[in-house]
N, C-alpha and C. Protein backbone atom coordinates (compact mmCIF):
# COMPACT_ATOMS: atom_id res chain seq x y z
N UNK A 1 0.83 -1.09 0.18
CA UNK A 1 0.00 -0.12 0.00
C UNK A 1 0.82 1.22 0.28
N UNK A 2 0.62 2.21 -0.81
CA UNK A 2 1.28 3.43 -0.91
C UNK A 2 0.79 4.43 -0.07
N UNK A 3 -0.51 4.47 -0.09
CA UNK A 3 -1.15 5.62 0.86
C UNK A 3 -2.75 5.23 1.00
N UNK A 4 -3.40 5.89 2.05
CA UNK A 4 -4.67 5.67 2.14
C UNK A 4 -5.34 6.83 2.79
N UNK A 5 -6.60 6.97 2.67
CA UNK A 5 -7.52 8.06 3.44
C UNK A 5 -8.58 7.30 4.26
N UNK A 6 -9.08 8.05 5.00
CA UNK A 6 -10.25 7.37 6.01
C UNK A 6 -11.26 8.45 6.33
N UNK A 7 -12.28 8.13 6.15
CA UNK A 7 -13.53 9.06 6.25
C UNK A 7 -14.25 8.11 7.51
N UNK A 8 -14.91 9.04 8.46
CA UNK A 8 -15.71 8.25 9.50
C UNK A 8 -17.06 9.03 9.72
N UNK A 9 -18.36 8.37 9.52
CA UNK A 9 -19.32 9.43 9.93
C UNK A 9 -20.04 8.64 11.30
N UNK A 10 -19.37 7.84 11.75
CA UNK A 10 -19.81 7.02 13.17
C UNK A 10 -18.87 7.10 14.23
N UNK A 11 -18.05 8.14 14.19
CA UNK A 11 -16.90 8.34 15.19
C UNK A 11 -17.57 8.80 16.46
N UNK A 12 -16.66 8.61 17.66
CA UNK A 12 -17.09 9.09 19.20
C UNK A 12 -16.91 10.50 19.29
N UNK A 13 -16.40 11.35 18.40
CA UNK A 13 -16.16 12.80 18.36
C UNK A 13 -17.80 13.30 17.91
N UNK A 14 -17.78 14.55 18.52
CA UNK A 14 -19.03 15.28 18.36
C UNK A 14 -19.43 15.56 16.71
N UNK A 15 -20.67 15.59 16.33
CA UNK A 15 -20.95 15.77 15.14
C UNK A 15 -20.39 17.03 14.44
N UNK A 16 -19.87 17.10 13.36
CA UNK A 16 -19.39 18.31 12.73
C UNK A 16 -20.34 19.43 12.48
N UNK A 17 -19.75 20.73 12.52
CA UNK A 17 -20.93 21.42 12.42
C UNK A 17 -21.64 21.64 11.54
N UNK A 18 -21.37 21.27 10.02
CA UNK A 18 -21.97 21.41 8.97
C UNK A 18 -22.36 20.26 8.47
N UNK A 19 -22.49 19.11 9.11
CA UNK A 19 -22.51 17.71 8.68
C UNK A 19 -21.35 17.31 7.83
N UNK A 20 -21.66 15.77 7.37
CA UNK A 20 -20.37 15.28 6.66
C UNK A 20 -19.61 14.49 7.61
N UNK A 21 -18.58 13.75 6.86
CA UNK A 21 -17.86 12.96 7.83
C UNK A 21 -16.52 13.62 8.13
N UNK A 22 -15.95 13.00 9.23
CA UNK A 22 -14.71 13.29 9.64
C UNK A 22 -13.66 12.67 8.89
N UNK A 23 -12.50 13.42 8.41
CA UNK A 23 -11.32 13.05 7.99
C UNK A 23 -10.67 12.60 9.07
N UNK A 24 -10.44 11.02 9.47
CA UNK A 24 -9.72 10.54 10.51
C UNK A 24 -8.35 10.07 10.36
N UNK A 25 -8.23 9.92 9.01
CA UNK A 25 -6.49 9.65 8.47
C UNK A 25 -6.24 9.81 7.27
N UNK A 26 -5.05 10.12 7.12
CA UNK A 26 -4.41 10.10 5.89
C UNK A 26 -2.78 9.90 6.07
N UNK A 27 -2.42 8.96 5.41
CA UNK A 27 -1.06 8.48 5.53
C UNK A 27 -0.48 7.92 4.13
N UNK A 28 0.55 8.15 3.90
CA UNK A 28 1.43 8.01 2.77
C UNK A 28 2.88 7.50 3.13
N UNK A 29 3.20 6.18 2.51
CA UNK A 29 4.52 5.33 2.90
C UNK A 29 5.66 6.31 2.68
N UNK A 30 6.35 6.51 3.88
CA UNK A 30 7.58 7.64 3.84
C UNK A 30 8.39 7.55 2.54
N UNK A 31 8.43 6.33 2.24
CA UNK A 31 9.26 6.17 0.74
C UNK A 31 8.61 6.71 -0.32
N UNK A 32 7.22 7.13 -0.38
CA UNK A 32 6.51 7.55 -1.52
C UNK A 32 6.21 9.01 -1.28
N UNK A 33 6.65 9.45 -0.14
CA UNK A 33 6.18 10.90 0.12
C UNK A 33 6.76 11.81 -1.07
N UNK A 34 6.32 12.92 -0.92
CA UNK A 34 6.71 14.05 -2.18
C UNK A 34 6.69 13.80 -3.52
N UNK A 35 5.43 13.06 -3.83
CA UNK A 35 5.18 12.95 -5.06
C UNK A 35 3.57 13.10 -5.45
N UNK A 36 3.11 13.84 -4.32
CA UNK A 36 1.80 14.34 -4.62
C UNK A 36 0.63 13.27 -4.40
N UNK A 37 1.03 12.06 -3.92
CA UNK A 37 0.11 11.03 -3.30
C UNK A 37 -0.98 11.53 -2.47
N UNK A 38 -0.38 12.06 -1.41
CA UNK A 38 -1.24 12.59 -0.31
C UNK A 38 -2.22 13.53 -0.67
N UNK A 39 -1.61 14.63 -1.53
CA UNK A 39 -2.69 15.47 -2.02
C UNK A 39 -3.85 15.01 -2.90
N UNK A 40 -3.43 14.08 -3.79
CA UNK A 40 -4.40 13.34 -4.61
C UNK A 40 -5.59 12.57 -3.95
N UNK A 41 -5.14 12.18 -2.78
CA UNK A 41 -6.06 11.38 -2.08
C UNK A 41 -6.85 12.34 -1.32
N UNK A 42 -6.40 13.31 -0.51
CA UNK A 42 -7.24 14.29 0.09
C UNK A 42 -8.33 15.22 -0.77
N UNK A 43 -7.82 15.27 -1.98
CA UNK A 43 -8.81 15.95 -3.13
C UNK A 43 -9.77 15.23 -3.48
N UNK A 44 -9.60 13.78 -3.75
CA UNK A 44 -10.52 13.09 -4.13
C UNK A 44 -11.63 12.88 -3.10
N UNK A 45 -11.17 12.59 -1.76
CA UNK A 45 -12.04 12.38 -0.69
C UNK A 45 -12.64 13.69 -0.48
N UNK A 46 -12.24 14.98 -0.34
CA UNK A 46 -12.80 16.17 -0.43
C UNK A 46 -13.69 16.40 -1.42
N UNK A 47 -13.80 16.07 -2.51
CA UNK A 47 -14.62 16.27 -3.66
C UNK A 47 -15.79 15.27 -3.69
N UNK A 48 -15.71 13.91 -3.05
CA UNK A 48 -16.61 13.06 -3.11
C UNK A 48 -17.70 13.35 -1.96
N UNK A 49 -16.82 13.74 -1.06
CA UNK A 49 -17.83 13.93 0.58
C UNK A 49 -17.63 15.02 1.26
N UNK A 50 -17.71 16.19 0.40
CA UNK A 50 -17.89 17.56 1.01
C UNK A 50 -19.22 17.48 1.59
N UNK A 51 -19.13 18.37 2.48
CA UNK A 51 -18.09 19.14 3.26
C UNK A 51 -17.51 17.96 4.15
N UNK A 52 -16.27 17.70 4.56
CA UNK A 52 -15.38 16.82 5.11
C UNK A 52 -14.76 17.71 6.26
N UNK A 53 -14.65 17.23 7.58
CA UNK A 53 -14.12 17.85 8.59
C UNK A 53 -13.14 16.98 9.08
N UNK A 54 -12.02 17.69 9.76
CA UNK A 54 -10.89 17.11 10.28
C UNK A 54 -10.21 17.92 11.48
N UNK A 55 -9.43 17.41 12.23
CA UNK A 55 -8.69 18.02 13.22
C UNK A 55 -7.39 17.50 13.00
N UNK A 56 -6.59 18.53 12.99
CA UNK A 56 -5.27 18.20 12.69
C UNK A 56 -4.24 19.18 13.96
N UNK A 57 -2.80 18.61 13.74
CA UNK A 57 -1.86 19.62 14.64
C UNK A 57 -2.01 20.62 13.77
N UNK A 58 -1.79 21.91 14.74
CA UNK A 58 -1.77 23.18 14.15
C UNK A 58 -0.60 23.46 13.02
N UNK A 59 0.60 22.62 13.43
CA UNK A 59 1.54 22.75 12.36
C UNK A 59 1.52 22.13 10.99
N UNK A 60 0.27 21.42 10.96
CA UNK A 60 -0.10 20.66 9.45
C UNK A 60 -1.16 21.43 8.81
N UNK A 61 -1.64 22.57 9.44
CA UNK A 61 -2.92 23.23 8.85
C UNK A 61 -2.31 23.80 7.51
N UNK A 62 -1.27 24.28 7.54
CA UNK A 62 -0.55 24.94 6.33
C UNK A 62 -0.50 23.93 5.03
N UNK A 63 -0.18 22.77 5.49
CA UNK A 63 -0.17 21.62 4.33
C UNK A 63 -1.56 21.24 3.85
N UNK A 64 -2.43 21.14 4.71
CA UNK A 64 -3.73 20.76 4.12
C UNK A 64 -4.39 22.14 3.48
N UNK A 65 -4.13 23.39 4.08
CA UNK A 65 -4.78 24.57 3.45
C UNK A 65 -4.15 24.68 1.88
N UNK A 66 -3.01 24.28 1.64
CA UNK A 66 -2.48 24.40 0.39
C UNK A 66 -2.68 23.44 -0.45
N UNK A 67 -3.58 22.50 -0.10
CA UNK A 67 -4.06 21.42 -1.11
C UNK A 67 -5.59 21.51 -1.32
N UNK A 68 -6.28 22.06 -0.45
CA UNK A 68 -7.72 21.99 -0.42
C UNK A 68 -8.28 23.33 0.15
N UNK A 69 -9.55 23.67 -0.30
CA UNK A 69 -9.93 24.88 0.14
C UNK A 69 -10.51 24.42 1.61
N UNK A 70 -10.08 25.44 2.62
CA UNK A 70 -10.51 24.71 3.92
C UNK A 70 -11.48 26.02 4.58
N UNK A 71 -12.10 25.70 5.29
CA UNK A 71 -12.75 26.73 6.22
C UNK A 71 -12.50 26.41 7.53
N UNK A 72 -11.77 27.11 8.55
CA UNK A 72 -11.41 26.76 9.61
C UNK A 72 -12.60 27.07 10.77
N UNK A 73 -12.81 26.45 11.75
CA UNK A 73 -13.96 27.03 12.66
C UNK A 73 -13.49 26.21 14.30
């Protein structure tokens, strides 16, 4: 496996403010990073399941924001 993205509609976290699933996992094999794989996975998930919501470390917010349109709440 090179990479995967997971969305969850039945998680233990509160319902997102605008409906839709939580993006709970995005992972790319370290040997395959910097090839756009994570970006493609994220964009495909966002296009299919919009709106999708996620929590991330503040240090990663810029990475996500550079790849998909984000609304921070």
